[in-house]
Structures are given as C-alpha cells and as structure tokens.
Amino acid sequence: VQALRTINFTSAIGAEETTRAETAAAELAPVSSSVAIDKTPVVE
C-alpha cells in the first residue's frame, strides 16, 4: 500500500519521488519473487 501511494507523485513531483518509488519497488521485489505463484488460467 505504501509503495503504491508513491506512484501518483512521480509525474507531479519529479525525480526525487521516482527514486523513492524505485526504492520501494526494489525493497518489495525479494518478497514477491520468493513465492511461487500459480498463474494457471481459471477455466470454470
């Protein structure tokens, strides 16, 4: 939620906020990539 809140500020505020968003994304990357996600399409 915190990382998502930084997104809307990137175009309005500029490079400083873009860096914050990139940092937040980098911090979250190991969390989401360490978990296997089954993306099998739901048929029914």
PDB file of all heavy atoms in Angstrom:
ATOM      1  N   VAL A   1       0.848  -1.191   0.000  1.00  0.00           N
ATOM      2  CA  VAL A   1       0.000   0.000   0.000  1.00  0.00           C
ATOM      3  C   VAL A   1       0.883   1.239   0.000  1.00  0.00           C
ATOM      4  O   VAL A   1       0.657   2.177  -0.780  1.00  0.00           O
ATOM      5  CB  VAL A   1      -0.967  -0.001   1.213  1.00  0.00           C
ATOM      6  CG1 VAL A   1      -1.666   1.340   1.360  1.00  0.00           C
ATOM      7  CG2 VAL A   1      -1.983  -1.122   1.082  1.00  0.00           C
ATOM      8  N   GLN A   2       1.921   1.248   0.831  1.00  0.00           N
ATOM      9  CA  GLN A   2       2.826   2.401   0.903  1.00  0.00           C
ATOM     10  C   GLN A   2       3.547   2.603  -0.433  1.00  0.00           C
ATOM     11  O   GLN A   2       3.685   3.731  -0.896  1.00  0.00           O
ATOM     12  CB  GLN A   2       3.851   2.219   2.029  1.00  0.00           C
ATOM     13  CG  GLN A   2       3.238   2.243   3.411  1.00  0.00           C
ATOM     14  CD  GLN A   2       2.558   3.575   3.702  1.00  0.00           C
ATOM     15  OE1 GLN A   2       1.504   3.875   3.170  1.00  0.00           O
ATOM     16  NE2 GLN A   2       3.182   4.366   4.535  1.00  0.00           N
ATOM     17  N   ALA A   3       4.025   1.521  -1.031  1.00  0.00           N
ATOM     18  CA  ALA A   3       4.715   1.631  -2.313  1.00  0.00           C
ATOM     19  C   ALA A   3       3.776   2.151  -3.396  1.00  0.00           C
ATOM     20  O   ALA A   3       4.167   2.985  -4.221  1.00  0.00           O
ATOM     21  CB  ALA A   3       5.297   0.276  -2.714  1.00  0.00           C
ATOM     22  N   LEU A   4       2.530   1.687  -3.394  1.00  0.00           N
ATOM     23  CA  LEU A   4       1.560   2.143  -4.391  1.00  0.00           C
ATOM     24  C   LEU A   4       1.263   3.631  -4.235  1.00  0.00           C
ATOM     25  O   LEU A   4       1.045   4.333  -5.227  1.00  0.00           O
ATOM     26  CB  LEU A   4       0.256   1.345  -4.274  1.00  0.00           C
ATOM     27  CG  LEU A   4       0.303  -0.089  -4.778  1.00  0.00           C
ATOM     28  CD1 LEU A   4      -0.923  -0.848  -4.321  1.00  0.00           C
ATOM     29  CD2 LEU A   4       0.437  -0.121  -6.286  1.00  0.00           C
ATOM     30  N   ARG A   5       1.252   4.119  -3.009  1.00  0.00           N
ATOM     31  CA  ARG A   5       0.958   5.538  -2.779  1.00  0.00           C
ATOM     32  C   ARG A   5       2.016   6.454  -3.361  1.00  0.00           C
ATOM     33  O   ARG A   5       1.754   7.623  -3.602  1.00  0.00           O
ATOM     34  CB  ARG A   5       0.780   5.800  -1.288  1.00  0.00           C
ATOM     35  CG  ARG A   5      -0.528   5.264  -0.783  1.00  0.00           C
ATOM     36  CD  ARG A   5      -0.824   5.709   0.624  1.00  0.00           C
ATOM     37  NE  ARG A   5      -2.139   5.240   1.008  1.00  0.00           N
ATOM     38  CZ  ARG A   5      -2.423   4.669   2.164  1.00  0.00           C
ATOM     39  NH1 ARG A   5      -1.486   4.531   3.077  1.00  0.00           N
ATOM     40  NH2 ARG A   5      -3.640   4.261   2.418  1.00  0.00           N
ATOM     41  N   THR A   6       3.212   5.958  -3.601  1.00  0.00           N
ATOM     42  CA  THR A   6       4.267   6.801  -4.178  1.00  0.00           C
ATOM     43  C   THR A   6       4.102   6.977  -5.681  1.00  0.00           C
ATOM     44  O   THR A   6       4.676   7.899  -6.254  1.00  0.00           O
ATOM     45  CB  THR A   6       5.669   6.216  -3.899  1.00  0.00           C
ATOM     46  OG1 THR A   6       5.800   4.968  -4.576  1.00  0.00           O
ATOM     47  CG2 THR A   6       5.909   6.053  -2.423  1.00  0.00           C
ATOM     48  N   ILE A   7       3.322   6.118  -6.323  1.00  0.00           N
ATOM     49  CA  ILE A   7       3.218   6.141  -7.781  1.00  0.00           C
ATOM     50  C   ILE A   7       2.659   7.457  -8.305  1.00  0.00           C
ATOM     51  O   ILE A   7       3.208   8.047  -9.217  1.00  0.00           O
ATOM     52  CB  ILE A   7       2.355   4.968  -8.298  1.00  0.00           C
ATOM     53  CG1 ILE A   7       3.089   3.662  -8.054  1.00  0.00           C
ATOM     54  CG2 ILE A   7       2.046   5.121  -9.782  1.00  0.00           C
ATOM     55  CD1 ILE A   7       2.272   2.441  -8.389  1.00  0.00           C
ATOM     56  N   ASN A   8       1.564   7.935  -7.761  1.00  0.00           N
ATOM     57  CA  ASN A   8       0.920   9.130  -8.302  1.00  0.00           C
ATOM     58  C   ASN A   8       1.757  10.383  -8.148  1.00  0.00           C
ATOM     59  O   ASN A   8       1.519  11.367  -8.815  1.00  0.00           O
ATOM     60  CB  ASN A   8      -0.448   9.353  -7.653  1.00  0.00           C
ATOM     61  CG  ASN A   8      -1.473   8.416  -8.231  1.00  0.00           C
ATOM     62  OD1 ASN A   8      -1.308   7.917  -9.336  1.00  0.00           O
ATOM     63  ND2 ASN A   8      -2.515   8.157  -7.489  1.00  0.00           N
ATOM     64  N   PHE A   9       2.747  10.354  -7.277  1.00  0.00           N
ATOM     65  CA  PHE A   9       3.565  11.532  -7.081  1.00  0.00           C
ATOM     66  C   PHE A   9       4.717  11.619  -8.069  1.00  0.00           C
ATOM     67  O   PHE A   9       5.333  12.652  -8.186  1.00  0.00           O
ATOM     68  CB  PHE A   9       4.122  11.549  -5.655  1.00  0.00           C
ATOM     69  CG  PHE A   9       3.038  11.615  -4.617  1.00  0.00           C
ATOM     70  CD1 PHE A   9       2.764  10.534  -3.808  1.00  0.00           C
ATOM     71  CD2 PHE A   9       2.279  12.759  -4.467  1.00  0.00           C
ATOM     72  CE1 PHE A   9       1.755  10.586  -2.868  1.00  0.00           C
ATOM     73  CE2 PHE A   9       1.266  12.822  -3.523  1.00  0.00           C
ATOM     74  CZ  PHE A   9       1.010  11.738  -2.722  1.00  0.00           C
ATOM     75  N   THR A  10       4.999  10.544  -8.807  1.00  0.00           N
ATOM     76  CA  THR A  10       6.182  10.527  -9.648  1.00  0.00           C
ATOM     77  C   THR A  10       6.137  11.565 -10.754  1.00  0.00           C
ATOM     78  O   THR A  10       7.110  12.261 -10.966  1.00  0.00           O
ATOM     79  CB  THR A  10       6.419   9.136 -10.267  1.00  0.00           C
ATOM     80  OG1 THR A  10       5.254   8.748 -10.994  1.00  0.00           O
ATOM     81  CG2 THR A  10       6.753   8.118  -9.213  1.00  0.00           C
ATOM     82  N   SER A  11       5.020  11.726 -11.438  1.00  0.00           N
ATOM     83  CA  SER A  11       4.998  12.690 -12.528  1.00  0.00           C
ATOM     84  C   SER A  11       4.834  14.107 -12.020  1.00  0.00           C
ATOM     85  O   SER A  11       5.292  15.051 -12.635  1.00  0.00           O
ATOM     86  CB  SER A  11       3.892  12.355 -13.526  1.00  0.00           C
ATOM     87  OG  SER A  11       2.637  12.530 -12.921  1.00  0.00           O
ATOM     88  N   ALA A  12       4.187  14.279 -10.876  1.00  0.00           N
ATOM     89  CA  ALA A  12       3.934  15.615 -10.361  1.00  0.00           C
ATOM     90  C   ALA A  12       5.155  16.214  -9.668  1.00  0.00           C
ATOM     91  O   ALA A  12       5.406  17.401  -9.769  1.00  0.00           O
ATOM     92  CB  ALA A  12       2.758  15.583  -9.388  1.00  0.00           C
ATOM     93  N   ILE A  13       5.911  15.406  -8.964  1.00  0.00           N
ATOM     94  CA  ILE A  13       6.997  15.947  -8.166  1.00  0.00           C
ATOM     95  C   ILE A  13       8.343  15.787  -8.843  1.00  0.00           C
ATOM     96  O   ILE A  13       9.191  16.646  -8.730  1.00  0.00           O
ATOM     97  CB  ILE A  13       6.998  15.302  -6.762  1.00  0.00           C
ATOM     98  CG1 ILE A  13       5.704  15.694  -6.061  1.00  0.00           C
ATOM     99  CG2 ILE A  13       8.195  15.723  -5.954  1.00  0.00           C
ATOM    100  CD1 ILE A  13       5.500  15.041  -4.740  1.00  0.00           C
ATOM    101  N   GLY A  14       8.548  14.710  -9.562  1.00  0.00           N
ATOM    102  CA  GLY A  14       9.780  14.592 -10.311  1.00  0.00           C
ATOM    103  C   GLY A  14      10.690  13.469  -9.865  1.00  0.00           C
ATOM    104  O   GLY A  14      10.260  12.477  -9.296  1.00  0.00           O
ATOM    105  N   ALA A  15      11.960  13.653 -10.109  1.00  0.00           N
ATOM    106  CA  ALA A  15      12.955  12.598  -9.959  1.00  0.00           C
ATOM    107  C   ALA A  15      13.090  12.093  -8.531  1.00  0.00           C
ATOM    108  O   ALA A  15      13.324  10.909  -8.315  1.00  0.00           O
ATOM    109  CB  ALA A  15      14.299  13.093 -10.463  1.00  0.00           C
ATOM    110  N   GLU A  16      12.965  12.970  -7.531  1.00  0.00           N
ATOM    111  CA  GLU A  16      13.118  12.538  -6.146  1.00  0.00           C
ATOM    112  C   GLU A  16      12.079  11.480  -5.789  1.00  0.00           C
ATOM    113  O   GLU A  16      12.396  10.466  -5.184  1.00  0.00           O
ATOM    114  CB  GLU A  16      12.990  13.733  -5.211  1.00  0.00           C
ATOM    115  CG  GLU A  16      13.131  13.359  -3.748  1.00  0.00           C
ATOM    116  CD  GLU A  16      12.977  14.568  -2.854  1.00  0.00           C
ATOM    117  OE1 GLU A  16      13.503  15.630  -3.195  1.00  0.00           O
ATOM    118  OE2 GLU A  16      12.309  14.432  -1.821  1.00  0.00           O
ATOM    119  N   GLU A  17      10.826  11.715  -6.181  1.00  0.00           N
ATOM    120  CA  GLU A  17       9.775  10.749  -5.886  1.00  0.00           C
ATOM    121  C   GLU A  17       9.929   9.494  -6.734  1.00  0.00           C
ATOM    122  O   GLU A  17       9.603   8.411  -6.288  1.00  0.00           O
ATOM    123  CB  GLU A  17       8.390  11.373  -6.102  1.00  0.00           C
ATOM    124  CG  GLU A  17       8.057  12.421  -5.074  1.00  0.00           C
ATOM    125  CD  GLU A  17       7.958  11.856  -3.664  1.00  0.00           C
ATOM    126  OE1 GLU A  17       7.591  10.677  -3.503  1.00  0.00           O
ATOM    127  OE2 GLU A  17       8.266  12.599  -2.724  1.00  0.00           O
ATOM    128  N   THR A  18      10.403   9.638  -7.976  1.00  0.00           N
ATOM    129  CA  THR A  18      10.639   8.466  -8.814  1.00  0.00           C
ATOM    130  C   THR A  18      11.654   7.561  -8.139  1.00  0.00           C
ATOM    131  O   THR A  18      11.489   6.349  -8.106  1.00  0.00           O
ATOM    132  CB  THR A  18      11.137   8.887 -10.210  1.00  0.00           C
ATOM    133  OG1 THR A  18      10.166   9.729 -10.799  1.00  0.00           O
ATOM    134  CG2 THR A  18      11.393   7.682 -11.090  1.00  0.00           C
ATOM    135  N   THR A  19      12.684   8.150  -7.575  1.00  0.00           N
ATOM    136  CA  THR A  19      13.688   7.373  -6.863  1.00  0.00           C
ATOM    137  C   THR A  19      13.071   6.663  -5.663  1.00  0.00           C
ATOM    138  O   THR A  19      13.372   5.502  -5.405  1.00  0.00           O
ATOM    139  CB  THR A  19      14.842   8.288  -6.398  1.00  0.00           C
ATOM    140  OG1 THR A  19      15.365   8.956  -7.546  1.00  0.00           O
ATOM    141  CG2 THR A  19      15.935   7.494  -5.732  1.00  0.00           C
ATOM    142  N   ARG A  20      12.181   7.348  -4.928  1.00  0.00           N
ATOM    143  CA  ARG A  20      11.508   6.707  -3.798  1.00  0.00           C
ATOM    144  C   ARG A  20      10.664   5.526  -4.260  1.00  0.00           C
ATOM    145  O   ARG A  20      10.642   4.485  -3.619  1.00  0.00           O
ATOM    146  CB  ARG A  20      10.614   7.712  -3.056  1.00  0.00           C
ATOM    147  CG  ARG A  20      11.323   8.395  -1.964  1.00  0.00           C
ATOM    148  CD  ARG A  20      10.463   9.185  -1.046  1.00  0.00           C
ATOM    149  NE  ARG A  20       9.036   8.915  -1.118  1.00  0.00           N
ATOM    150  CZ  ARG A  20       8.117   9.687  -0.586  1.00  0.00           C
ATOM    151  NH1 ARG A  20       8.470  10.767   0.062  1.00  0.00           N
ATOM    152  NH2 ARG A  20       6.848   9.405  -0.681  1.00  0.00           N
ATOM    153  N   ALA A  21       9.955   5.695  -5.368  1.00  0.00           N
ATOM    154  CA  ALA A  21       9.123   4.602  -5.888  1.00  0.00           C
ATOM    155  C   ALA A  21      10.000   3.428  -6.316  1.00  0.00           C
ATOM    156  O   ALA A  21       9.661   2.274  -6.065  1.00  0.00           O
ATOM    157  CB  ALA A  21       8.272   5.077  -7.060  1.00  0.00           C
ATOM    158  N   GLU A  22      11.130   3.725  -6.964  1.00  0.00           N
ATOM    159  CA  GLU A  22      12.039   2.659  -7.372  1.00  0.00           C
ATOM    160  C   GLU A  22      12.613   1.942  -6.155  1.00  0.00           C
ATOM    161  O   GLU A  22      12.741   0.719  -6.149  1.00  0.00           O
ATOM    162  CB  GLU A  22      13.174   3.228  -8.229  1.00  0.00           C
ATOM    163  CG  GLU A  22      12.729   3.703  -9.592  1.00  0.00           C
ATOM    164  CD  GLU A  22      13.816   4.479 -10.323  1.00  0.00           C
ATOM    165  OE1 GLU A  22      14.821   4.858  -9.702  1.00  0.00           O
ATOM    166  OE2 GLU A  22      13.636   4.701 -11.516  1.00  0.00           O
ATOM    167  N   THR A  23      12.956   2.697  -5.119  1.00  0.00           N
ATOM    168  CA  THR A  23      13.478   2.105  -3.898  1.00  0.00           C
ATOM    169  C   THR A  23      12.437   1.209  -3.245  1.00  0.00           C
ATOM    170  O   THR A  23      12.735   0.088  -2.818  1.00  0.00           O
ATOM    171  CB  THR A  23      13.926   3.203  -2.908  1.00  0.00           C
ATOM    172  OG1 THR A  23      14.888   4.017  -3.554  1.00  0.00           O
ATOM    173  CG2 THR A  23      14.498   2.607  -1.645  1.00  0.00           C
ATOM    174  N   ALA A  24      11.209   1.684  -3.167  1.00  0.00           N
ATOM    175  CA  ALA A  24      10.131   0.888  -2.576  1.00  0.00           C
ATOM    176  C   ALA A  24       9.922  -0.387  -3.375  1.00  0.00           C
ATOM    177  O   ALA A  24       9.743  -1.470  -2.810  1.00  0.00           O
ATOM    178  CB  ALA A  24       8.841   1.695  -2.507  1.00  0.00           C
ATOM    179  N   ALA A  25       9.952  -0.283  -4.697  1.00  0.00           N
ATOM    180  CA  ALA A  25       9.775  -1.456  -5.544  1.00  0.00           C
ATOM    181  C   ALA A  25      10.919  -2.444  -5.349  1.00  0.00           C
ATOM    182  O   ALA A  25      10.704  -3.651  -5.281  1.00  0.00           O
ATOM    183  CB  ALA A  25       9.672  -1.045  -7.010  1.00  0.00           C
ATOM    184  N   ALA A  26      12.152  -1.927  -5.241  1.00  0.00           N
ATOM    185  CA  ALA A  26      13.307  -2.801  -5.052  1.00  0.00           C
ATOM    186  C   ALA A  26      13.241  -3.518  -3.710  1.00  0.00           C
ATOM    187  O   ALA A  26      13.633  -4.681  -3.600  1.00  0.00           O
ATOM    188  CB  ALA A  26      14.589  -1.993  -5.156  1.00  0.00           C
ATOM    189  N   GLU A  27      12.751  -2.830  -2.682  1.00  0.00           N
ATOM    190  CA  GLU A  27      12.630  -3.452  -1.370  1.00  0.00           C
ATOM    191  C   GLU A  27      11.596  -4.573  -1.369  1.00  0.00           C
ATOM    192  O   GLU A  27      11.727  -5.547  -0.653  1.00  0.00           O
ATOM    193  CB  GLU A  27      12.251  -2.410  -0.316  1.00  0.00           C
ATOM    194  CG  GLU A  27      13.371  -1.440  -0.009  1.00  0.00           C
ATOM    195  CD  GLU A  27      12.916  -0.294   0.877  1.00  0.00           C
ATOM    196  OE1 GLU A  27      11.722  -0.242   1.240  1.00  0.00           O
ATOM    197  OE2 GLU A  27      13.756   0.557   1.198  1.00  0.00           O
ATOM    198  N   LEU A  28      10.560  -4.417  -2.178  1.00  0.00           N
ATOM    199  CA  LEU A  28       9.498  -5.414  -2.216  1.00  0.00           C
ATOM    200  C   LEU A  28       9.802  -6.573  -3.148  1.00  0.00           C
ATOM    201  O   LEU A  28       9.201  -7.626  -3.028  1.00  0.00           O
ATOM    202  CB  LEU A  28       8.180  -4.764  -2.637  1.00  0.00           C
ATOM    203  CG  LEU A  28       7.627  -3.738  -1.665  1.00  0.00           C
ATOM    204  CD1 LEU A  28       6.414  -3.066  -2.268  1.00  0.00           C
ATOM    205  CD2 LEU A  28       7.261  -4.390  -0.352  1.00  0.00           C
ATOM    206  N   ALA A  29      10.712  -6.394  -4.071  1.00  0.00           N
ATOM    207  CA  ALA A  29      10.994  -7.406  -5.079  1.00  0.00           C
ATOM    208  C   ALA A  29      11.335  -8.772  -4.489  1.00  0.00           C
ATOM    209  O   ALA A  29      10.779  -9.770  -4.912  1.00  0.00           O
ATOM    210  CB  ALA A  29      12.092  -6.936  -6.025  1.00  0.00           C
ATOM    211  N   PRO A  30      12.225  -8.869  -3.486  1.00  0.00           N
ATOM    212  CA  PRO A  30      12.519 -10.202  -2.960  1.00  0.00           C
ATOM    213  C   PRO A  30      11.306 -10.881  -2.336  1.00  0.00           C
ATOM    214  O   PRO A  30      11.170 -12.074  -2.414  1.00  0.00           O
ATOM    215  CB  PRO A  30      13.585  -9.945  -1.890  1.00  0.00           C
ATOM    216  CG  PRO A  30      14.140  -8.608  -2.200  1.00  0.00           C
ATOM    217  CD  PRO A  30      13.042  -7.845  -2.891  1.00  0.00           C
ATOM    218  N   VAL A  31      10.410 -10.105  -1.750  1.00  0.00           N
ATOM    219  CA  VAL A  31       9.231 -10.681  -1.111  1.00  0.00           C
ATOM    220  C   VAL A  31       8.343 -11.349  -2.145  1.00  0.00           C
ATOM    221  O   VAL A  31       7.921 -12.476  -1.980  1.00  0.00           O
ATOM    222  CB  VAL A  31       8.438  -9.590  -0.342  1.00  0.00           C
ATOM    223  CG1 VAL A  31       7.122 -10.136   0.159  1.00  0.00           C
ATOM    224  CG2 VAL A  31       9.273  -9.046   0.791  1.00  0.00           C
ATOM    225  N   SER A  32       8.051 -10.643  -3.229  1.00  0.00           N
ATOM    226  CA  SER A  32       7.114 -11.192  -4.199  1.00  0.00           C
ATOM    227  C   SER A  32       7.747 -12.249  -5.098  1.00  0.00           C
ATOM    228  O   SER A  32       7.073 -13.124  -5.573  1.00  0.00           O
ATOM    229  CB  SER A  32       6.500 -10.074  -5.042  1.00  0.00           C
ATOM    230  OG  SER A  32       7.516  -9.421  -5.765  1.00  0.00           O
ATOM    231  N   SER A  33       9.058 -12.164  -5.337  1.00  0.00           N
ATOM    232  CA  SER A  33       9.675 -13.136  -6.232  1.00  0.00           C
ATOM    233  C   SER A  33      10.026 -14.433  -5.527  1.00  0.00           C
ATOM    234  O   SER A  33      10.273 -15.428  -6.166  1.00  0.00           O
ATOM    235  CB  SER A  33      10.917 -12.536  -6.884  1.00  0.00           C
ATOM    236  OG  SER A  33      11.874 -12.250  -5.884  1.00  0.00           O
ATOM    237  N   SER A  34      10.048 -14.437  -4.188  1.00  0.00           N
ATOM    238  CA  SER A  34      10.413 -15.651  -3.474  1.00  0.00           C
ATOM    239  C   SER A  34       9.253 -16.620  -3.335  1.00  0.00           C
ATOM    240  O   SER A  34       9.437 -17.746  -2.927  1.00  0.00           O
ATOM    241  CB  SER A  34      10.965 -15.296  -2.090  1.00  0.00           C
ATOM    242  OG  SER A  34       9.941 -14.729  -1.318  1.00  0.00           O
ATOM    243  N   VAL A  35       8.059 -16.192  -3.682  1.00  0.00           N
ATOM    244  CA  VAL A  35       6.880 -17.034  -3.532  1.00  0.00           C
ATOM    245  C   VAL A  35       6.425 -17.483  -4.917  1.00  0.00           C
ATOM    246  O   VAL A  35       6.252 -16.667  -5.808  1.00  0.00           O
ATOM    247  CB  VAL A  35       5.740 -16.251  -2.832  1.00  0.00           C
ATOM    248  CG1 VAL A  35       4.503 -17.108  -2.719  1.00  0.00           C
ATOM    249  CG2 VAL A  35       6.193 -15.764  -1.480  1.00  0.00           C
ATOM    250  N   ALA A  36       6.244 -18.772  -5.093  1.00  0.00           N
ATOM    251  CA  ALA A  36       5.774 -19.286  -6.370  1.00  0.00           C
ATOM    252  C   ALA A  36       4.282 -19.010  -6.503  1.00  0.00           C
ATOM    253  O   ALA A  36       3.504 -19.309  -5.608  1.00  0.00           O
ATOM    254  CB  ALA A  36       6.040 -20.787  -6.463  1.00  0.00           C
ATOM    255  N   ILE A  37       3.913 -18.461  -7.637  1.00  0.00           N
ATOM    256  CA  ILE A  37       2.511 -18.125  -7.869  1.00  0.00           C
ATOM    257  C   ILE A  37       2.007 -18.957  -9.032  1.00  0.00           C
ATOM    258  O   ILE A  37       2.586 -18.950 -10.115  1.00  0.00           O
ATOM    259  CB  ILE A  37       2.350 -16.628  -8.189  1.00  0.00           C
ATOM    260  CG1 ILE A  37       2.821 -15.805  -7.001  1.00  0.00           C
ATOM    261  CG2 ILE A  37       0.915 -16.304  -8.542  1.00  0.00           C
ATOM    262  CD1 ILE A  37       2.869 -14.337  -7.272  1.00  0.00           C
ATOM    263  N   ASP A  38       0.920 -19.649  -8.805  1.00  0.00           N
ATOM    264  CA  ASP A  38       0.303 -20.453  -9.847  1.00  0.00           C
ATOM    265  C   ASP A  38      -0.579 -19.547 -10.678  1.00  0.00           C
ATOM    266  O   ASP A  38      -1.586 -19.053 -10.209  1.00  0.00           O
ATOM    267  CB  ASP A  38      -0.513 -21.585  -9.216  1.00  0.00           C
ATOM    268  CG  ASP A  38      -1.155 -22.472 -10.253  1.00  0.00           C
ATOM    269  OD1 ASP A  38      -0.685 -22.462 -11.407  1.00  0.00           O
ATOM    270  OD2 ASP A  38      -2.116 -23.181  -9.903  1.00  0.00           O
ATOM    271  N   LYS A  39      -0.173 -19.295 -11.926  1.00  0.00           N
ATOM    272  CA  LYS A  39      -0.945 -18.424 -12.799  1.00  0.00           C
ATOM    273  C   LYS A  39      -1.712 -19.245 -13.840  1.00  0.00           C
ATOM    274  O   LYS A  39      -1.935 -18.788 -14.945  1.00  0.00           O
ATOM    275  CB  LYS A  39      -0.012 -17.432 -13.489  1.00  0.00           C
ATOM    276  CG  LYS A  39       0.634 -16.484 -12.525  1.00  0.00           C
ATOM    277  CD  LYS A  39       0.511 -15.115 -13.005  1.00  0.00           C
ATOM    278  CE  LYS A  39       1.092 -14.185 -11.976  1.00  0.00           C
ATOM    279  NZ  LYS A  39       0.803 -12.844 -12.209  1.00  0.00           N
ATOM    280  N   THR A  40      -2.117 -20.443 -13.471  1.00  0.00           N
ATOM    281  CA  THR A  40      -2.905 -21.276 -14.354  1.00  0.00           C
ATOM    282  C   THR A  40      -4.249 -20.606 -14.576  1.00  0.00           C
ATOM    283  O   THR A  40      -4.917 -20.216 -13.628  1.00  0.00           O
ATOM    284  CB  THR A  40      -3.130 -22.668 -13.726  1.00  0.00           C
ATOM    285  OG1 THR A  40      -1.876 -23.201 -13.320  1.00  0.00           O
ATOM    286  CG2 THR A  40      -3.815 -23.584 -14.701  1.00  0.00           C
ATOM    287  N   PRO A  41      -4.643 -20.445 -15.844  1.00  0.00           N
ATOM    288  CA  PRO A  41      -5.922 -19.782 -16.085  1.00  0.00           C
ATOM    289  C   PRO A  41      -7.088 -20.584 -15.508  1.00  0.00           C
ATOM    290  O   PRO A  41      -7.100 -21.802 -15.556  1.00  0.00           O
ATOM    291  CB  PRO A  41      -6.027 -19.702 -17.606  1.00  0.00           C
ATOM    292  CG  PRO A  41      -4.901 -20.477 -18.165  1.00  0.00           C
ATOM    293  CD  PRO A  41      -3.970 -20.839 -17.050  1.00  0.00           C
ATOM    294  N   VAL A  42      -8.040 -19.862 -14.963  1.00  0.00           N
ATOM    295  CA  VAL A  42      -9.224 -20.487 -14.400  1.00  0.00           C
ATOM    296  C   VAL A  42     -10.184 -20.782 -15.550  1.00  0.00           C
ATOM    297  O   VAL A  42     -10.543 -19.902 -16.311  1.00  0.00           O
ATOM    298  CB  VAL A  42      -9.898 -19.556 -13.370  1.00  0.00           C
ATOM    299  CG1 VAL A  42     -11.178 -20.161 -12.857  1.00  0.00           C
ATOM    300  CG2 VAL A  42      -8.938 -19.251 -12.248  1.00  0.00           C
ATOM    301  N   VAL A  43     -10.553 -22.046 -15.686  1.00  0.00           N
ATOM    302  CA  VAL A  43     -11.415 -22.454 -16.783  1.00  0.00           C
ATOM    303  C   VAL A  43     -12.883 -22.374 -16.387  1.00  0.00           C
ATOM    304  O   VAL A  43     -13.714 -21.953 -17.158  1.00  0.00           O
ATOM    305  CB  VAL A  43     -11.056 -23.887 -17.244  1.00  0.00           C
ATOM    306  CG1 VAL A  43     -11.970 -24.348 -18.348  1.00  0.00           C
ATOM    307  CG2 VAL A  43      -9.608 -23.955 -17.681  1.00  0.00           C
ATOM    308  N   GLU A  44     -13.191 -22.758 -15.167  1.00  0.00           N
ATOM    309  CA  GLU A  44     -14.573 -22.785 -14.722  1.00  0.00           C
ATOM    310  C   GLU A  44     -14.807 -21.699 -13.683  1.00  0.00           C
ATOM    311  O   GLU A  44     -13.926 -21.382 -12.904  1.00  0.00           O
ATOM    312  CB  GLU A  44     -14.907 -24.135 -14.103  1.00  0.00           C
ATOM    313  CG  GLU A  44     -14.826 -25.272 -15.091  1.00  0.00           C
ATOM    314  CD  GLU A  44     -15.178 -26.589 -14.434  1.00  0.00           C
ATOM    315  OE1 GLU A  44     -15.991 -26.605 -13.504  1.00  0.00           O
ATOM    316  OE2 GLU A  44     -14.637 -27.604 -14.864  1.00  0.00           O
TER     317      GLU A  44
END
